């Protein structure tokens, strides 16, 4: 039996900036068909003085270290979110104003 792809519409994530450095924000809600989070390569694209890692956690609040369920996206790296994921995905960074890109579908 052939699988028929269901149409999806990409939309922005829940947030695209760390408002307060060290405080996690929800970048994508649960119950998505997939998505991508990208940590921009340059400090200018991140909106801060020096490029830094973006920390991602698909099961709880992201910390400021890559361990447990939190992992680090270095500048220029992306993470593909899990299709059918039921938990929200949070991100964190050391600097307030750190910008990132999120698209979900």
N, C-alpha and C. Protein backbone atom coordinates (compact mmCIF):
# COMPACT_ATOMS: atom_id res chain seq x y z
N UNK A 1 0.84 -1.17 0.00
CA UNK A 1 0.00 0.00 0.00
C UNK A 1 0.89 1.23 0.00
N UNK A 2 0.66 2.12 -0.92
CA UNK A 2 1.46 3.34 -1.03
C UNK A 2 1.02 4.35 0.02
N UNK A 3 1.99 5.05 0.56
CA UNK A 3 1.70 6.10 1.51
C UNK A 3 1.51 7.41 0.76
N UNK A 4 0.46 8.11 1.06
CA UNK A 4 0.18 9.38 0.42
C UNK A 4 0.61 10.48 1.37
N UNK A 5 1.48 11.37 0.88
CA UNK A 5 1.95 12.48 1.71
C UNK A 5 0.81 13.45 1.96
N UNK A 6 0.70 13.86 3.17
CA UNK A 6 -0.30 14.84 3.58
C UNK A 6 0.28 16.24 3.40
N UNK A 7 -0.44 17.18 2.81
CA UNK A 7 0.11 18.51 2.63
C UNK A 7 0.34 19.19 3.99
N UNK A 8 1.42 19.94 4.08
CA UNK A 8 1.73 20.70 5.28
C UNK A 8 2.10 22.12 4.88
N UNK A 9 1.95 23.04 5.80
CA UNK A 9 2.32 24.43 5.56
C UNK A 9 3.36 24.85 6.58
N UNK A 10 4.57 25.22 6.14
CA UNK A 10 5.58 25.71 7.08
C UNK A 10 5.12 27.02 7.71
N UNK A 11 5.35 27.16 9.00
CA UNK A 11 5.01 28.39 9.73
C UNK A 11 6.15 28.72 10.70
N UNK A 12 6.25 29.97 11.14
CA UNK A 12 7.28 30.33 12.11
C UNK A 12 7.07 29.58 13.42
N UNK A 13 8.15 29.38 14.15
CA UNK A 13 8.07 28.76 15.46
C UNK A 13 7.47 29.72 16.49
N UNK A 14 7.49 29.31 17.74
CA UNK A 14 6.90 30.08 18.83
C UNK A 14 7.74 31.29 19.23
N UNK A 15 9.05 31.23 19.03
CA UNK A 15 9.95 32.32 19.40
C UNK A 15 11.16 32.27 18.47
N UNK A 16 11.83 33.42 18.33
CA UNK A 16 13.04 33.47 17.50
C UNK A 16 14.14 34.30 18.16
N UNK A 17 14.00 34.52 19.47
CA UNK A 17 14.99 35.30 20.20
C UNK A 17 15.02 34.89 21.67
N UNK A 18 16.21 34.85 22.23
CA UNK A 18 16.36 34.66 23.68
C UNK A 18 16.17 36.04 24.30
N UNK A 19 15.11 36.21 25.05
CA UNK A 19 14.79 37.51 25.62
C UNK A 19 15.77 37.85 26.74
N UNK A 20 15.96 36.91 27.66
CA UNK A 20 16.88 37.09 28.78
C UNK A 20 17.91 35.97 28.73
N UNK A 21 19.17 36.32 28.56
CA UNK A 21 20.23 35.32 28.50
C UNK A 21 20.17 34.37 29.68
N UNK A 22 20.30 33.07 29.41
CA UNK A 22 20.25 32.07 30.46
C UNK A 22 18.85 31.60 30.82
N UNK A 23 17.84 32.16 30.17
CA UNK A 23 16.45 31.77 30.44
C UNK A 23 15.88 31.13 29.17
N UNK A 24 15.51 29.87 29.27
CA UNK A 24 15.00 29.13 28.11
C UNK A 24 13.68 29.70 27.61
N UNK A 25 13.48 29.62 26.29
CA UNK A 25 12.21 29.98 25.66
C UNK A 25 11.74 28.79 24.83
N UNK A 26 10.43 28.66 24.66
CA UNK A 26 9.87 27.62 23.82
C UNK A 26 9.98 28.09 22.37
N UNK A 27 10.75 27.35 21.58
CA UNK A 27 10.96 27.69 20.18
C UNK A 27 9.91 27.05 19.28
N UNK A 28 9.40 25.89 19.69
CA UNK A 28 8.41 25.18 18.89
C UNK A 28 7.47 24.41 19.81
N UNK A 29 6.18 24.43 19.50
CA UNK A 29 5.22 23.69 20.32
C UNK A 29 5.33 22.19 20.06
N UNK A 30 4.64 21.42 20.86
CA UNK A 30 4.53 19.99 20.60
C UNK A 30 3.52 19.73 19.49
N UNK A 31 3.38 18.48 19.14
CA UNK A 31 2.43 18.05 18.12
C UNK A 31 2.66 18.70 16.77
N UNK A 32 3.90 18.64 16.31
CA UNK A 32 4.25 19.18 15.00
C UNK A 32 4.59 18.02 14.07
N UNK A 33 4.62 18.31 12.79
CA UNK A 33 5.01 17.30 11.81
C UNK A 33 6.51 17.32 11.52
N UNK A 34 7.20 18.25 12.13
CA UNK A 34 8.64 18.42 11.95
C UNK A 34 8.99 19.89 11.91
N UNK A 35 10.26 20.18 11.72
CA UNK A 35 10.70 21.56 11.65
C UNK A 35 12.21 21.65 11.73
N UNK A 36 12.71 22.88 11.72
CA UNK A 36 14.15 23.13 11.76
C UNK A 36 14.43 24.33 12.65
N UNK A 37 15.45 24.21 13.50
CA UNK A 37 15.97 25.33 14.29
C UNK A 37 17.39 25.56 13.79
N UNK A 38 17.73 26.82 13.49
CA UNK A 38 19.06 27.16 13.02
C UNK A 38 19.67 28.24 13.90
N UNK A 39 20.91 28.00 14.32
CA UNK A 39 21.69 29.00 15.03
C UNK A 39 22.52 29.74 13.98
N UNK A 40 22.26 31.02 13.73
CA UNK A 40 22.99 31.73 12.68
C UNK A 40 24.51 31.67 12.88
N UNK A 41 25.21 31.77 11.77
CA UNK A 41 26.67 31.62 11.76
C UNK A 41 27.39 32.84 12.34
N UNK A 42 26.91 34.03 12.03
CA UNK A 42 27.64 35.24 12.44
C UNK A 42 27.00 35.91 13.65
N UNK A 43 27.83 36.66 14.37
CA UNK A 43 27.33 37.43 15.51
C UNK A 43 26.28 38.44 15.05
N UNK A 44 26.50 39.04 13.88
CA UNK A 44 25.53 40.02 13.36
C UNK A 44 24.17 39.37 13.13
N UNK A 45 24.17 38.15 12.58
CA UNK A 45 22.90 37.45 12.35
C UNK A 45 22.27 36.95 13.65
N UNK A 46 23.11 36.71 14.66
CA UNK A 46 22.59 36.33 15.97
C UNK A 46 22.11 37.57 16.74
N UNK A 47 22.51 38.77 16.29
CA UNK A 47 22.08 40.00 16.94
C UNK A 47 22.84 40.32 18.22
N UNK A 48 24.05 39.75 18.37
CA UNK A 48 24.85 39.94 19.59
C UNK A 48 26.30 40.27 19.22
N UNK A 49 27.14 40.53 20.21
CA UNK A 49 28.52 40.95 19.98
C UNK A 49 29.45 39.87 19.46
N UNK A 50 29.32 38.65 19.96
CA UNK A 50 30.16 37.52 19.54
C UNK A 50 29.29 36.31 19.31
N UNK A 51 29.54 35.59 18.22
CA UNK A 51 28.74 34.39 17.93
C UNK A 51 28.91 33.37 19.05
N UNK A 52 27.83 32.70 19.40
CA UNK A 52 27.85 31.75 20.51
C UNK A 52 26.92 30.57 20.21
N UNK A 53 27.05 29.49 20.98
CA UNK A 53 26.17 28.33 20.80
C UNK A 53 24.72 28.66 21.18
N UNK A 54 23.82 27.90 20.60
CA UNK A 54 22.41 27.91 20.98
C UNK A 54 22.13 26.52 21.53
N UNK A 55 21.54 26.45 22.71
CA UNK A 55 21.28 25.17 23.36
C UNK A 55 19.83 24.76 23.13
N UNK A 56 19.61 23.52 22.76
CA UNK A 56 18.29 23.01 22.37
C UNK A 56 17.94 21.81 23.25
N UNK A 57 16.68 21.75 23.68
CA UNK A 57 16.20 20.60 24.45
C UNK A 57 14.80 20.24 23.97
N UNK A 58 14.62 19.04 23.41
CA UNK A 58 13.30 18.66 22.90
C UNK A 58 12.35 18.07 23.95
N UNK A 59 12.78 18.00 25.21
CA UNK A 59 11.91 17.39 26.22
C UNK A 59 11.68 18.25 27.46
N UNK A 60 12.40 19.35 27.61
CA UNK A 60 12.26 20.20 28.78
C UNK A 60 13.01 21.50 28.58
N UNK A 61 13.12 22.31 29.63
CA UNK A 61 13.83 23.58 29.50
C UNK A 61 15.31 23.37 29.18
N UNK A 62 15.81 24.07 28.16
CA UNK A 62 17.22 23.97 27.78
C UNK A 62 18.09 24.71 28.78
N UNK A 63 19.21 24.09 29.13
CA UNK A 63 20.19 24.74 30.00
C UNK A 63 21.24 25.44 29.16
N UNK A 64 22.36 25.75 29.80
CA UNK A 64 23.47 26.41 29.11
C UNK A 64 24.67 25.50 28.97
N UNK A 65 24.42 24.21 28.88
CA UNK A 65 25.49 23.23 28.67
C UNK A 65 24.93 22.08 27.86
N UNK A 66 25.76 21.51 27.02
CA UNK A 66 25.34 20.37 26.22
C UNK A 66 25.49 19.09 27.02
N UNK A 67 24.44 18.69 27.73
CA UNK A 67 24.45 17.43 28.47
C UNK A 67 23.02 16.98 28.72
N UNK A 68 22.84 15.73 29.11
CA UNK A 68 21.49 15.20 29.32
C UNK A 68 20.70 15.29 28.03
N UNK A 69 19.55 15.94 28.07
CA UNK A 69 18.72 16.09 26.87
C UNK A 69 18.92 17.44 26.19
N UNK A 70 19.85 18.25 26.71
CA UNK A 70 20.19 19.53 26.07
C UNK A 70 21.44 19.34 25.23
N UNK A 71 21.41 19.83 24.00
CA UNK A 71 22.60 19.76 23.16
C UNK A 71 22.88 21.13 22.57
N UNK A 72 24.14 21.35 22.19
CA UNK A 72 24.58 22.64 21.68
C UNK A 72 24.60 22.67 20.16
N UNK A 73 24.03 23.73 19.60
CA UNK A 73 24.18 24.02 18.18
C UNK A 73 25.23 25.11 18.07
N UNK A 74 26.34 24.80 17.46
CA UNK A 74 27.38 25.80 17.26
C UNK A 74 26.91 26.77 16.17
N UNK A 75 27.52 27.95 16.09
CA UNK A 75 27.12 28.90 15.05
C UNK A 75 27.12 28.25 13.66
N UNK A 76 26.02 28.41 12.95
CA UNK A 76 25.87 27.85 11.62
C UNK A 76 25.22 26.47 11.59
N UNK A 77 25.02 25.84 12.73
CA UNK A 77 24.42 24.51 12.76
C UNK A 77 22.89 24.59 12.88
N UNK A 78 22.24 23.53 12.40
CA UNK A 78 20.78 23.41 12.49
C UNK A 78 20.41 22.07 13.11
N UNK A 79 19.19 21.99 13.61
CA UNK A 79 18.65 20.75 14.13
C UNK A 79 17.27 20.54 13.51
N UNK A 80 17.05 19.33 13.01
CA UNK A 80 15.77 18.96 12.45
C UNK A 80 14.90 18.36 13.54
N UNK A 81 13.75 18.97 13.78
CA UNK A 81 12.86 18.49 14.84
C UNK A 81 12.19 17.19 14.44
N UNK A 82 11.78 16.46 15.42
CA UNK A 82 11.26 15.11 15.26
C UNK A 82 9.80 15.16 14.77
N UNK A 83 9.51 14.57 13.62
CA UNK A 83 8.12 14.51 13.17
C UNK A 83 7.25 13.76 14.18
N UNK A 84 6.11 14.32 14.50
CA UNK A 84 5.21 13.69 15.46
C UNK A 84 5.58 13.93 16.91
N UNK A 85 6.59 14.73 17.15
CA UNK A 85 7.04 15.03 18.53
C UNK A 85 5.89 15.63 19.33
N UNK A 86 5.64 15.13 20.51
CA UNK A 86 4.53 15.63 21.32
C UNK A 86 4.95 16.65 22.36
N UNK A 87 6.24 16.79 22.61
CA UNK A 87 6.74 17.76 23.59
C UNK A 87 7.20 19.03 22.87
N UNK A 88 7.16 20.15 23.58
CA UNK A 88 7.68 21.38 23.00
C UNK A 88 9.21 21.34 23.01
N UNK A 89 9.83 22.15 22.16
CA UNK A 89 11.28 22.25 22.07
C UNK A 89 11.69 23.62 22.59
N UNK A 90 12.59 23.63 23.57
CA UNK A 90 13.06 24.89 24.12
C UNK A 90 14.50 25.15 23.71
N UNK A 91 14.87 26.43 23.72
CA UNK A 91 16.23 26.83 23.40
C UNK A 91 16.71 27.83 24.44
N UNK A 92 18.04 27.98 24.52
CA UNK A 92 18.64 28.89 25.48
C UNK A 92 19.98 29.35 24.93
N UNK A 93 20.45 30.49 25.37
CA UNK A 93 21.76 31.01 25.02
C UNK A 93 22.22 31.92 26.15
N UNK A 94 23.52 32.18 26.20
CA UNK A 94 24.07 32.99 27.27
C UNK A 94 23.67 34.46 27.16
N UNK A 95 23.52 34.96 25.94
CA UNK A 95 23.28 36.39 25.74
C UNK A 95 21.82 36.74 25.49
N UNK A 96 21.36 37.79 26.14
CA UNK A 96 20.04 38.34 25.83
C UNK A 96 20.05 38.86 24.40
N UNK A 97 18.96 38.67 23.69
CA UNK A 97 18.84 39.15 22.33
C UNK A 97 19.37 38.20 21.27
N UNK A 98 19.89 37.03 21.68
CA UNK A 98 20.40 36.05 20.71
C UNK A 98 19.24 35.61 19.82
N UNK A 99 19.38 35.85 18.52
CA UNK A 99 18.34 35.50 17.56
C UNK A 99 18.66 34.17 16.88
N UNK A 100 17.62 33.45 16.49
CA UNK A 100 17.76 32.16 15.81
C UNK A 100 16.56 32.01 14.89
N UNK A 101 16.60 31.02 14.03
CA UNK A 101 15.50 30.78 13.10
C UNK A 101 14.78 29.50 13.46
N UNK A 102 13.46 29.51 13.34
CA UNK A 102 12.63 28.32 13.59
C UNK A 102 11.51 28.28 12.57
N UNK A 103 11.36 27.14 11.92
CA UNK A 103 10.24 26.88 11.04
C UNK A 103 9.69 25.51 11.39
N UNK A 104 8.38 25.42 11.56
CA UNK A 104 7.74 24.13 11.86
C UNK A 104 6.67 23.85 10.81
N UNK A 105 6.28 22.59 10.73
CA UNK A 105 5.19 22.20 9.82
C UNK A 105 4.44 21.05 10.41
